[in-house]
Amino acid sequence: HFADGRRGIRELVREDSLQKASTAERLEFSRRY
């Protein structure tokens, strides 16, 4: 919850898992929601 009233999401991803298909699917799952 930003000071200016906006809202944002932060997803933490380990650098070594960024190339994995499962990581991409989880991030897409989150993005769609």
PDB file of all heavy atoms in Angstrom:
ATOM      1  N   HIS A   1       0.886  -1.162   0.000  1.00  0.00           N
ATOM      2  CA  HIS A   1       0.000   0.000   0.000  1.00  0.00           C
ATOM      3  C   HIS A   1       0.923   1.210   0.000  1.00  0.00           C
ATOM      4  O   HIS A   1       1.604   1.475   0.992  1.00  0.00           O
ATOM      5  CB  HIS A   1      -0.916  -0.011   1.226  1.00  0.00           C
ATOM      6  CG  HIS A   1      -1.752  -1.246   1.299  1.00  0.00           C
ATOM      7  ND1 HIS A   1      -2.936  -1.371   0.635  1.00  0.00           N
ATOM      8  CD2 HIS A   1      -1.547  -2.422   1.944  1.00  0.00           C
ATOM      9  CE1 HIS A   1      -3.460  -2.576   0.871  1.00  0.00           C
ATOM     10  NE2 HIS A   1      -2.613  -3.224   1.667  1.00  0.00           N
ATOM     11  N   PHE A   2       0.969   1.907  -1.143  1.00  0.00           N
ATOM     12  CA  PHE A   2       1.880   3.031  -1.299  1.00  0.00           C
ATOM     13  C   PHE A   2       1.350   4.269  -0.577  1.00  0.00           C
ATOM     14  O   PHE A   2       0.148   4.411  -0.364  1.00  0.00           O
ATOM     15  CB  PHE A   2       2.083   3.358  -2.776  1.00  0.00           C
ATOM     16  CG  PHE A   2       2.711   2.239  -3.559  1.00  0.00           C
ATOM     17  CD1 PHE A   2       2.029   1.665  -4.617  1.00  0.00           C
ATOM     18  CD2 PHE A   2       3.975   1.771  -3.260  1.00  0.00           C
ATOM     19  CE1 PHE A   2       2.604   0.645  -5.357  1.00  0.00           C
ATOM     20  CE2 PHE A   2       4.552   0.756  -3.982  1.00  0.00           C
ATOM     21  CZ  PHE A   2       3.858   0.183  -5.047  1.00  0.00           C
ATOM     22  N   ALA A   3       2.246   5.177  -0.259  1.00  0.00           N
ATOM     23  CA  ALA A   3       1.897   6.414   0.443  1.00  0.00           C
ATOM     24  C   ALA A   3       0.947   7.283  -0.376  1.00  0.00           C
ATOM     25  O   ALA A   3       0.160   8.041   0.184  1.00  0.00           O
ATOM     26  CB  ALA A   3       3.158   7.197   0.797  1.00  0.00           C
ATOM     27  N   ASP A   4       0.988   7.148  -1.709  1.00  0.00           N
ATOM     28  CA  ASP A   4       0.111   7.959  -2.564  1.00  0.00           C
ATOM     29  C   ASP A   4      -1.238   7.303  -2.845  1.00  0.00           C
ATOM     30  O   ASP A   4      -2.008   7.773  -3.669  1.00  0.00           O
ATOM     31  CB  ASP A   4       0.807   8.313  -3.876  1.00  0.00           C
ATOM     32  CG  ASP A   4       1.132   7.089  -4.729  1.00  0.00           C
ATOM     33  OD1 ASP A   4       0.766   5.955  -4.354  1.00  0.00           O
ATOM     34  OD2 ASP A   4       1.773   7.277  -5.787  1.00  0.00           O
ATOM     35  N   GLY A   5      -1.543   6.187  -2.163  1.00  0.00           N
ATOM     36  CA  GLY A   5      -2.843   5.533  -2.296  1.00  0.00           C
ATOM     37  C   GLY A   5      -2.890   4.382  -3.290  1.00  0.00           C
ATOM     38  O   GLY A   5      -3.875   3.635  -3.334  1.00  0.00           O
ATOM     39  N   ARG A   6      -1.861   4.211  -4.098  1.00  0.00           N
ATOM     40  CA  ARG A   6      -1.837   3.101  -5.050  1.00  0.00           C
ATOM     41  C   ARG A   6      -1.499   1.797  -4.320  1.00  0.00           C
ATOM     42  O   ARG A   6      -1.099   1.808  -3.166  1.00  0.00           O
ATOM     43  CB  ARG A   6      -0.798   3.358  -6.143  1.00  0.00           C
ATOM     44  CG  ARG A   6      -1.073   4.566  -6.991  1.00  0.00           C
ATOM     45  CD  ARG A   6       0.025   4.830  -8.022  1.00  0.00           C
ATOM     46  NE  ARG A   6       1.348   4.875  -7.407  1.00  0.00           N
ATOM     47  CZ  ARG A   6       2.379   4.086  -7.735  1.00  0.00           C
ATOM     48  NH1 ARG A   6       2.259   3.199  -8.698  1.00  0.00           N
ATOM     49  NH2 ARG A   6       3.542   4.191  -7.119  1.00  0.00           N
ATOM     50  N   ARG A   7      -1.672   0.684  -5.048  1.00  0.00           N
ATOM     51  CA  ARG A   7      -1.316  -0.627  -4.513  1.00  0.00           C
ATOM     52  C   ARG A   7      -0.394  -1.335  -5.497  1.00  0.00           C
ATOM     53  O   ARG A   7      -0.511  -1.148  -6.702  1.00  0.00           O
ATOM     54  CB  ARG A   7      -2.560  -1.480  -4.275  1.00  0.00           C
ATOM     55  CG  ARG A   7      -3.462  -0.898  -3.235  1.00  0.00           C
ATOM     56  CD  ARG A   7      -4.680  -1.710  -2.864  1.00  0.00           C
ATOM     57  NE  ARG A   7      -5.118  -2.682  -3.821  1.00  0.00           N
ATOM     58  CZ  ARG A   7      -5.682  -3.856  -3.490  1.00  0.00           C
ATOM     59  NH1 ARG A   7      -5.851  -4.158  -2.229  1.00  0.00           N
ATOM     60  NH2 ARG A   7      -6.081  -4.686  -4.409  1.00  0.00           N
ATOM     61  N   GLY A   8       0.499  -2.153  -4.963  1.00  0.00           N
ATOM     62  CA  GLY A   8       1.430  -2.878  -5.811  1.00  0.00           C
ATOM     63  C   GLY A   8       1.740  -4.258  -5.264  1.00  0.00           C
ATOM     64  O   GLY A   8       1.489  -4.555  -4.101  1.00  0.00           O
ATOM     65  N   ILE A   9       2.257  -5.094  -6.140  1.00  0.00           N
ATOM     66  CA  ILE A   9       2.615  -6.466  -5.794  1.00  0.00           C
ATOM     67  C   ILE A   9       4.116  -6.632  -5.961  1.00  0.00           C
ATOM     68  O   ILE A   9       4.701  -6.102  -6.897  1.00  0.00           O
ATOM     69  CB  ILE A   9       1.922  -7.461  -6.755  1.00  0.00           C
ATOM     70  CG1 ILE A   9       0.418  -7.310  -6.692  1.00  0.00           C
ATOM     71  CG2 ILE A   9       2.354  -8.901  -6.474  1.00  0.00           C
ATOM     72  CD1 ILE A   9      -0.162  -7.533  -5.341  1.00  0.00           C
ATOM     73  N   ARG A  10       4.727  -7.400  -5.071  1.00  0.00           N
ATOM     74  CA  ARG A  10       6.120  -7.795  -5.218  1.00  0.00           C
ATOM     75  C   ARG A  10       6.188  -9.302  -5.024  1.00  0.00           C
ATOM     76  O   ARG A  10       5.747  -9.832  -4.003  1.00  0.00           O
ATOM     77  CB  ARG A  10       7.023  -7.112  -4.189  1.00  0.00           C
ATOM     78  CG  ARG A  10       7.092  -5.610  -4.322  1.00  0.00           C
ATOM     79  CD  ARG A  10       7.705  -5.183  -5.646  1.00  0.00           C
ATOM     80  NE  ARG A  10       7.843  -3.752  -5.757  1.00  0.00           N
ATOM     81  CZ  ARG A  10       6.905  -2.927  -6.235  1.00  0.00           C
ATOM     82  NH1 ARG A  10       5.748  -3.397  -6.629  1.00  0.00           N
ATOM     83  NH2 ARG A  10       7.130  -1.633  -6.317  1.00  0.00           N
ATOM     84  N   GLU A  11       6.721  -9.979  -6.040  1.00  0.00           N
ATOM     85  CA  GLU A  11       6.942 -11.419  -5.980  1.00  0.00           C
ATOM     86  C   GLU A  11       8.444 -11.653  -5.909  1.00  0.00           C
ATOM     87  O   GLU A  11       9.197 -11.131  -6.731  1.00  0.00           O
ATOM     88  CB  GLU A  11       6.370 -12.113  -7.220  1.00  0.00           C
ATOM     89  CG  GLU A  11       4.864 -12.046  -7.349  1.00  0.00           C
ATOM     90  CD  GLU A  11       4.107 -12.934  -6.377  1.00  0.00           C
ATOM     91  OE1 GLU A  11       4.744 -13.553  -5.494  1.00  0.00           O
ATOM     92  OE2 GLU A  11       2.889 -13.006  -6.493  1.00  0.00           O
ATOM     93  N   LEU A  12       8.891 -12.404  -4.916  1.00  0.00           N
ATOM     94  CA  LEU A  12      10.303 -12.720  -4.756  1.00  0.00           C
ATOM     95  C   LEU A  12      10.636 -13.987  -5.534  1.00  0.00           C
ATOM     96  O   LEU A  12       9.933 -14.994  -5.406  1.00  0.00           O
ATOM     97  CB  LEU A  12      10.641 -12.921  -3.281  1.00  0.00           C
ATOM     98  CG  LEU A  12      10.281 -11.780  -2.332  1.00  0.00           C
ATOM     99  CD1 LEU A  12      10.700 -12.122  -0.912  1.00  0.00           C
ATOM    100  CD2 LEU A  12      10.905 -10.477  -2.774  1.00  0.00           C
ATOM    101  N   VAL A  13      11.687 -13.933  -6.337  1.00  0.00           N
ATOM    102  CA  VAL A  13      12.101 -15.086  -7.140  1.00  0.00           C
ATOM    103  C   VAL A  13      13.615 -15.231  -7.024  1.00  0.00           C
ATOM    104  O   VAL A  13      14.347 -14.268  -7.244  1.00  0.00           O
ATOM    105  CB  VAL A  13      11.719 -14.909  -8.627  1.00  0.00           C
ATOM    106  CG1 VAL A  13      12.232 -16.069  -9.457  1.00  0.00           C
ATOM    107  CG2 VAL A  13      10.217 -14.769  -8.784  1.00  0.00           C
ATOM    108  N   ARG A  14      14.060 -16.429  -6.683  1.00  0.00           N
ATOM    109  CA  ARG A  14      15.502 -16.697  -6.641  1.00  0.00           C
ATOM    110  C   ARG A  14      16.071 -16.631  -8.049  1.00  0.00           C
ATOM    111  O   ARG A  14      15.446 -17.131  -8.994  1.00  0.00           O
ATOM    112  CB  ARG A  14      15.768 -18.082  -6.060  1.00  0.00           C
ATOM    113  CG  ARG A  14      15.604 -18.146  -4.557  1.00  0.00           C
ATOM    114  CD  ARG A  14      15.803 -19.562  -4.054  1.00  0.00           C
ATOM    115  NE  ARG A  14      16.952 -20.226  -4.656  1.00  0.00           N
ATOM    116  CZ  ARG A  14      18.011 -20.644  -3.976  1.00  0.00           C
ATOM    117  NH1 ARG A  14      18.071 -20.481  -2.685  1.00  0.00           N
ATOM    118  NH2 ARG A  14      18.998 -21.242  -4.590  1.00  0.00           N
ATOM    119  N   GLU A  15      17.228 -16.015  -8.187  1.00  0.00           N
ATOM    120  CA  GLU A  15      17.860 -15.865  -9.502  1.00  0.00           C
ATOM    121  C   GLU A  15      18.046 -17.196 -10.213  1.00  0.00           C
ATOM    122  O   GLU A  15      17.857 -17.288 -11.416  1.00  0.00           O
ATOM    123  CB  GLU A  15      19.210 -15.169  -9.365  1.00  0.00           C
ATOM    124  CG  GLU A  15      19.106 -13.711  -9.069  1.00  0.00           C
ATOM    125  CD  GLU A  15      20.468 -13.047  -8.907  1.00  0.00           C
ATOM    126  OE1 GLU A  15      21.471 -13.748  -8.643  1.00  0.00           O
ATOM    127  OE2 GLU A  15      20.517 -11.826  -9.055  1.00  0.00           O
ATOM    128  N   ASP A  16      18.402 -18.243  -9.469  1.00  0.00           N
ATOM    129  CA  ASP A  16      18.665 -19.538 -10.098  1.00  0.00           C
ATOM    130  C   ASP A  16      17.407 -20.286 -10.520  1.00  0.00           C
ATOM    131  O   ASP A  16      17.484 -21.296 -11.201  1.00  0.00           O
ATOM    132  CB  ASP A  16      19.527 -20.419  -9.196  1.00  0.00           C
ATOM    133  CG  ASP A  16      18.870 -20.760  -7.871  1.00  0.00           C
ATOM    134  OD1 ASP A  16      17.856 -20.132  -7.514  1.00  0.00           O
ATOM    135  OD2 ASP A  16      19.393 -21.656  -7.173  1.00  0.00           O
ATOM    136  N   SER A  17      16.220 -19.785 -10.163  1.00  0.00           N
ATOM    137  CA  SER A  17      14.988 -20.454 -10.588  1.00  0.00           C
ATOM    138  C   SER A  17      14.237 -19.667 -11.653  1.00  0.00           C
ATOM    139  O   SER A  17      13.186 -20.088 -12.119  1.00  0.00           O
ATOM    140  CB  SER A  17      14.070 -20.689  -9.381  1.00  0.00           C
ATOM    141  OG  SER A  17      13.558 -19.461  -8.915  1.00  0.00           O
ATOM    142  N   LEU A  18      14.798 -18.554 -12.086  1.00  0.00           N
ATOM    143  CA  LEU A  18      14.109 -17.688 -13.043  1.00  0.00           C
ATOM    144  C   LEU A  18      13.898 -18.362 -14.396  1.00  0.00           C
ATOM    145  O   LEU A  18      12.921 -18.078 -15.072  1.00  0.00           O
ATOM    146  CB  LEU A  18      14.893 -16.381 -13.208  1.00  0.00           C
ATOM    147  CG  LEU A  18      14.137 -15.235 -13.849  1.00  0.00           C
ATOM    148  CD1 LEU A  18      12.839 -14.936 -13.116  1.00  0.00           C
ATOM    149  CD2 LEU A  18      15.008 -13.998 -13.885  1.00  0.00           C
ATOM    150  N   GLN A  19      14.766 -19.249 -14.789  1.00  0.00           N
ATOM    151  CA  GLN A  19      14.657 -19.911 -16.089  1.00  0.00           C
ATOM    152  C   GLN A  19      13.764 -21.151 -16.061  1.00  0.00           C
ATOM    153  O   GLN A  19      13.509 -21.743 -17.105  1.00  0.00           O
ATOM    154  CB  GLN A  19      16.054 -20.303 -16.596  1.00  0.00           C
ATOM    155  CG  GLN A  19      16.972 -19.125 -16.817  1.00  0.00           C
ATOM    156  CD  GLN A  19      16.450 -18.186 -17.899  1.00  0.00           C
ATOM    157  OE1 GLN A  19      15.916 -18.614 -18.904  1.00  0.00           O
ATOM    158  NE2 GLN A  19      16.596 -16.888 -17.667  1.00  0.00           N
ATOM    159  N   LYS A  20      13.261 -21.531 -14.903  1.00  0.00           N
ATOM    160  CA  LYS A  20      12.430 -22.727 -14.789  1.00  0.00           C
ATOM    161  C   LYS A  20      11.007 -22.441 -15.258  1.00  0.00           C
ATOM    162  O   LYS A  20      10.439 -21.389 -14.963  1.00  0.00           O
ATOM    163  CB  LYS A  20      12.391 -23.213 -13.339  1.00  0.00           C
ATOM    164  CG  LYS A  20      13.717 -23.704 -12.826  1.00  0.00           C
ATOM    165  CD  LYS A  20      13.590 -24.172 -11.403  1.00  0.00           C
ATOM    166  CE  LYS A  20      14.923 -24.644 -10.848  1.00  0.00           C
ATOM    167  NZ  LYS A  20      14.799 -25.054  -9.446  1.00  0.00           N
ATOM    168  N   ALA A  21      10.441 -23.415 -15.971  1.00  0.00           N
ATOM    169  CA  ALA A  21       9.064 -23.274 -16.458  1.00  0.00           C
ATOM    170  C   ALA A  21       8.082 -23.120 -15.299  1.00  0.00           C
ATOM    171  O   ALA A  21       7.124 -22.343 -15.379  1.00  0.00           O
ATOM    172  CB  ALA A  21       8.686 -24.479 -17.317  1.00  0.00           C
ATOM    173  N   SER A  22       8.325 -23.821 -14.189  1.00  0.00           N
ATOM    174  CA  SER A  22       7.412 -23.748 -13.051  1.00  0.00           C
ATOM    175  C   SER A  22       7.390 -22.341 -12.440  1.00  0.00           C
ATOM    176  O   SER A  22       6.340 -21.865 -12.010  1.00  0.00           O
ATOM    177  CB  SER A  22       7.785 -24.775 -11.974  1.00  0.00           C
ATOM    178  OG  SER A  22       9.088 -24.530 -11.488  1.00  0.00           O
ATOM    179  N   THR A  23       8.533 -21.670 -12.437  1.00  0.00           N
ATOM    180  CA  THR A  23       8.596 -20.299 -11.927  1.00  0.00           C
ATOM    181  C   THR A  23       7.808 -19.370 -12.832  1.00  0.00           C
ATOM    182  O   THR A  23       7.032 -18.533 -12.363  1.00  0.00           O
ATOM    183  CB  THR A  23      10.054 -19.822 -11.808  1.00  0.00           C
ATOM    184  OG1 THR A  23      10.752 -20.693 -10.911  1.00  0.00           O
ATOM    185  CG2 THR A  23      10.142 -18.398 -11.307  1.00  0.00           C
ATOM    186  N   ALA A  24       7.987 -19.511 -14.134  1.00  0.00           N
ATOM    187  CA  ALA A  24       7.244 -18.684 -15.091  1.00  0.00           C
ATOM    188  C   ALA A  24       5.736 -18.911 -14.943  1.00  0.00           C
ATOM    189  O   ALA A  24       4.954 -17.956 -14.980  1.00  0.00           O
ATOM    190  CB  ALA A  24       7.689 -18.988 -16.511  1.00  0.00           C
ATOM    191  N   GLU A  25       5.323 -20.149 -14.750  1.00  0.00           N
ATOM    192  CA  GLU A  25       3.895 -20.442 -14.579  1.00  0.00           C
ATOM    193  C   GLU A  25       3.353 -19.818 -13.301  1.00  0.00           C
ATOM    194  O   GLU A  25       2.255 -19.262 -13.299  1.00  0.00           O
ATOM    195  CB  GLU A  25       3.663 -21.955 -14.579  1.00  0.00           C
ATOM    196  CG  GLU A  25       3.817 -22.576 -15.936  1.00  0.00           C
ATOM    197  CD  GLU A  25       3.717 -24.088 -15.905  1.00  0.00           C
ATOM    198  OE1 GLU A  25       4.246 -24.706 -14.956  1.00  0.00           O
ATOM    199  OE2 GLU A  25       3.111 -24.648 -16.826  1.00  0.00           O
ATOM    200  N   ARG A  26       4.103 -19.894 -12.220  1.00  0.00           N
ATOM    201  CA  ARG A  26       3.649 -19.292 -10.963  1.00  0.00           C
ATOM    202  C   ARG A  26       3.540 -17.776 -11.097  1.00  0.00           C
ATOM    203  O   ARG A  26       2.584 -17.163 -10.614  1.00  0.00           O
ATOM    204  CB  ARG A  26       4.586 -19.669  -9.810  1.00  0.00           C
ATOM    205  CG  ARG A  26       4.418 -21.094  -9.356  1.00  0.00           C
ATOM    206  CD  ARG A  26       5.057 -21.359  -8.005  1.00  0.00           C
ATOM    207  NE  ARG A  26       6.333 -20.717  -7.793  1.00  0.00           N
ATOM    208  CZ  ARG A  26       7.516 -21.286  -7.987  1.00  0.00           C
ATOM    209  NH1 ARG A  26       7.583 -22.522  -8.406  1.00  0.00           N
ATOM    210  NH2 ARG A  26       8.622 -20.626  -7.746  1.00  0.00           N
ATOM    211  N   LEU A  27       4.504 -17.160 -11.762  1.00  0.00           N
ATOM    212  CA  LEU A  27       4.450 -15.711 -11.959  1.00  0.00           C
ATOM    213  C   LEU A  27       3.270 -15.324 -12.858  1.00  0.00           C
ATOM    214  O   LEU A  27       2.606 -14.316 -12.625  1.00  0.00           O
ATOM    215  CB  LEU A  27       5.765 -15.197 -12.530  1.00  0.00           C
ATOM    216  CG  LEU A  27       6.943 -15.224 -11.566  1.00  0.00           C
ATOM    217  CD1 LEU A  27       8.229 -14.873 -12.295  1.00  0.00           C
ATOM    218  CD2 LEU A  27       6.704 -14.298 -10.386  1.00  0.00           C
ATOM    219  N   GLU A  28       2.997 -16.125 -13.871  1.00  0.00           N
ATOM    220  CA  GLU A  28       1.850 -15.855 -14.735  1.00  0.00           C
ATOM    221  C   GLU A  28       0.544 -16.034 -13.962  1.00  0.00           C
ATOM    222  O   GLU A  28      -0.398 -15.268 -14.127  1.00  0.00           O
ATOM    223  CB  GLU A  28       1.879 -16.774 -15.966  1.00  0.00           C
ATOM    224  CG  GLU A  28       0.684 -16.628 -16.883  1.00  0.00           C
ATOM    225  CD  GLU A  28       0.513 -15.240 -17.488  1.00  0.00           C
ATOM    226  OE1 GLU A  28       1.432 -14.405 -17.426  1.00  0.00           O
ATOM    227  OE2 GLU A  28      -0.578 -14.981 -18.046  1.00  0.00           O
ATOM    228  N   PHE A  29       0.487 -17.031 -13.116  1.00  0.00           N
ATOM    229  CA  PHE A  29      -0.666 -17.256 -12.244  1.00  0.00           C
ATOM    230  C   PHE A  29      -0.945 -16.006 -11.410  1.00  0.00           C
ATOM    231  O   PHE A  29      -2.059 -15.498 -11.356  1.00  0.00           O
ATOM    232  CB  PHE A  29      -0.356 -18.457 -11.342  1.00  0.00           C
ATOM    233  CG  PHE A  29      -1.530 -19.026 -10.613  1.00  0.00           C
ATOM    234  CD1 PHE A  29      -2.249 -20.070 -11.149  1.00  0.00           C
ATOM    235  CD2 PHE A  29      -1.891 -18.539  -9.362  1.00  0.00           C
ATOM    236  CE1 PHE A  29      -3.318 -20.625 -10.462  1.00  0.00           C
ATOM    237  CE2 PHE A  29      -2.953 -19.075  -8.671  1.00  0.00           C
ATOM    238  CZ  PHE A  29      -3.678 -20.129  -9.223  1.00  0.00           C
ATOM    239  N   SER A  30       0.102 -15.480 -10.794  1.00  0.00           N
ATOM    240  CA  SER A  30      -0.011 -14.275  -9.977  1.00  0.00           C
ATOM    241  C   SER A  30      -0.414 -13.070 -10.830  1.00  0.00           C
ATOM    242  O   SER A  30      -1.296 -12.295 -10.462  1.00  0.00           O
ATOM    243  CB  SER A  30       1.312 -14.003  -9.271  1.00  0.00           C
ATOM    244  OG  SER A  30       1.258 -12.795  -8.553  1.00  0.00           O
ATOM    245  N   ARG A  31       0.227 -12.896 -11.986  1.00  0.00           N
ATOM    246  CA  ARG A  31      -0.059 -11.758 -12.852  1.00  0.00           C
ATOM    247  C   ARG A  31      -1.528 -11.741 -13.290  1.00  0.00           C
ATOM    248  O   ARG A  31      -2.186 -10.716 -13.268  1.00  0.00           O
ATOM    249  CB  ARG A  31       0.836 -11.779 -14.092  1.00  0.00           C
ATOM    250  CG  ARG A  31       0.698 -10.527 -14.960  1.00  0.00           C
ATOM    251  CD  ARG A  31       1.190 -10.770 -16.367  1.00  0.00           C
ATOM    252  NE  ARG A  31       0.401 -11.714 -17.113  1.00  0.00           N
ATOM    253  CZ  ARG A  31      -0.782 -11.449 -17.673  1.00  0.00           C
ATOM    254  NH1 ARG A  31      -1.322 -10.262 -17.561  1.00  0.00           N
ATOM    255  NH2 ARG A  31      -1.417 -12.375 -18.342  1.00  0.00           N
ATOM    256  N   ARG A  32      -2.049 -12.899 -13.651  1.00  0.00           N
ATOM    257  CA  ARG A  32      -3.450 -12.968 -14.083  1.00  0.00           C
ATOM    258  C   ARG A  32      -4.405 -12.589 -12.958  1.00  0.00           C
ATOM    259  O   ARG A  32      -5.399 -11.921 -13.189  1.00  0.00           O
ATOM    260  CB  ARG A  32      -3.791 -14.368 -14.578  1.00  0.00           C
ATOM    261  CG  ARG A  32      -3.186 -14.685 -15.907  1.00  0.00           C
ATOM    262  CD  ARG A  32      -3.601 -16.046 -16.371  1.00  0.00           C
ATOM    263  NE  ARG A  32      -2.815 -16.431 -17.525  1.00  0.00           N
ATOM    264  CZ  ARG A  32      -3.005 -17.558 -18.179  1.00  0.00           C
ATOM    265  NH1 ARG A  32      -3.938 -18.415 -17.800  1.00  0.00           N
ATOM    266  NH2 ARG A  32      -2.257 -17.844 -19.222  1.00  0.00           N
ATOM    267  N   TYR A  33      -4.103 -13.043 -11.772  1.00  0.00           N
ATOM    268  CA  TYR A  33      -4.980 -12.716 -10.644  1.00  0.00           C
ATOM    269  C   TYR A  33      -5.007 -11.210 -10.404  1.00  0.00           C
ATOM    270  O   TYR A  33      -6.062 -10.593 -10.306  1.00  0.00           O
ATOM    271  CB  TYR A  33      -4.530 -13.439  -9.374  1.00  0.00           C
ATOM    272  CG  TYR A  33      -5.397 -13.100  -8.191  1.00  0.00           C
ATOM    273  CD1 TYR A  33      -6.636 -13.698  -8.046  1.00  0.00           C
ATOM    274  CD2 TYR A  33      -4.997 -12.166  -7.249  1.00  0.00           C
ATOM    275  CE1 TYR A  33      -7.456 -13.378  -6.977  1.00  0.00           C
ATOM    276  CE2 TYR A  33      -5.802 -11.842  -6.181  1.00  0.00           C
ATOM    277  CZ  TYR A  33      -7.033 -12.454  -6.048  1.00  0.00           C
ATOM    278  OH  TYR A  33      -7.845 -12.126  -4.991  1.00  0.00           O
TER     279      TYR A  33
END
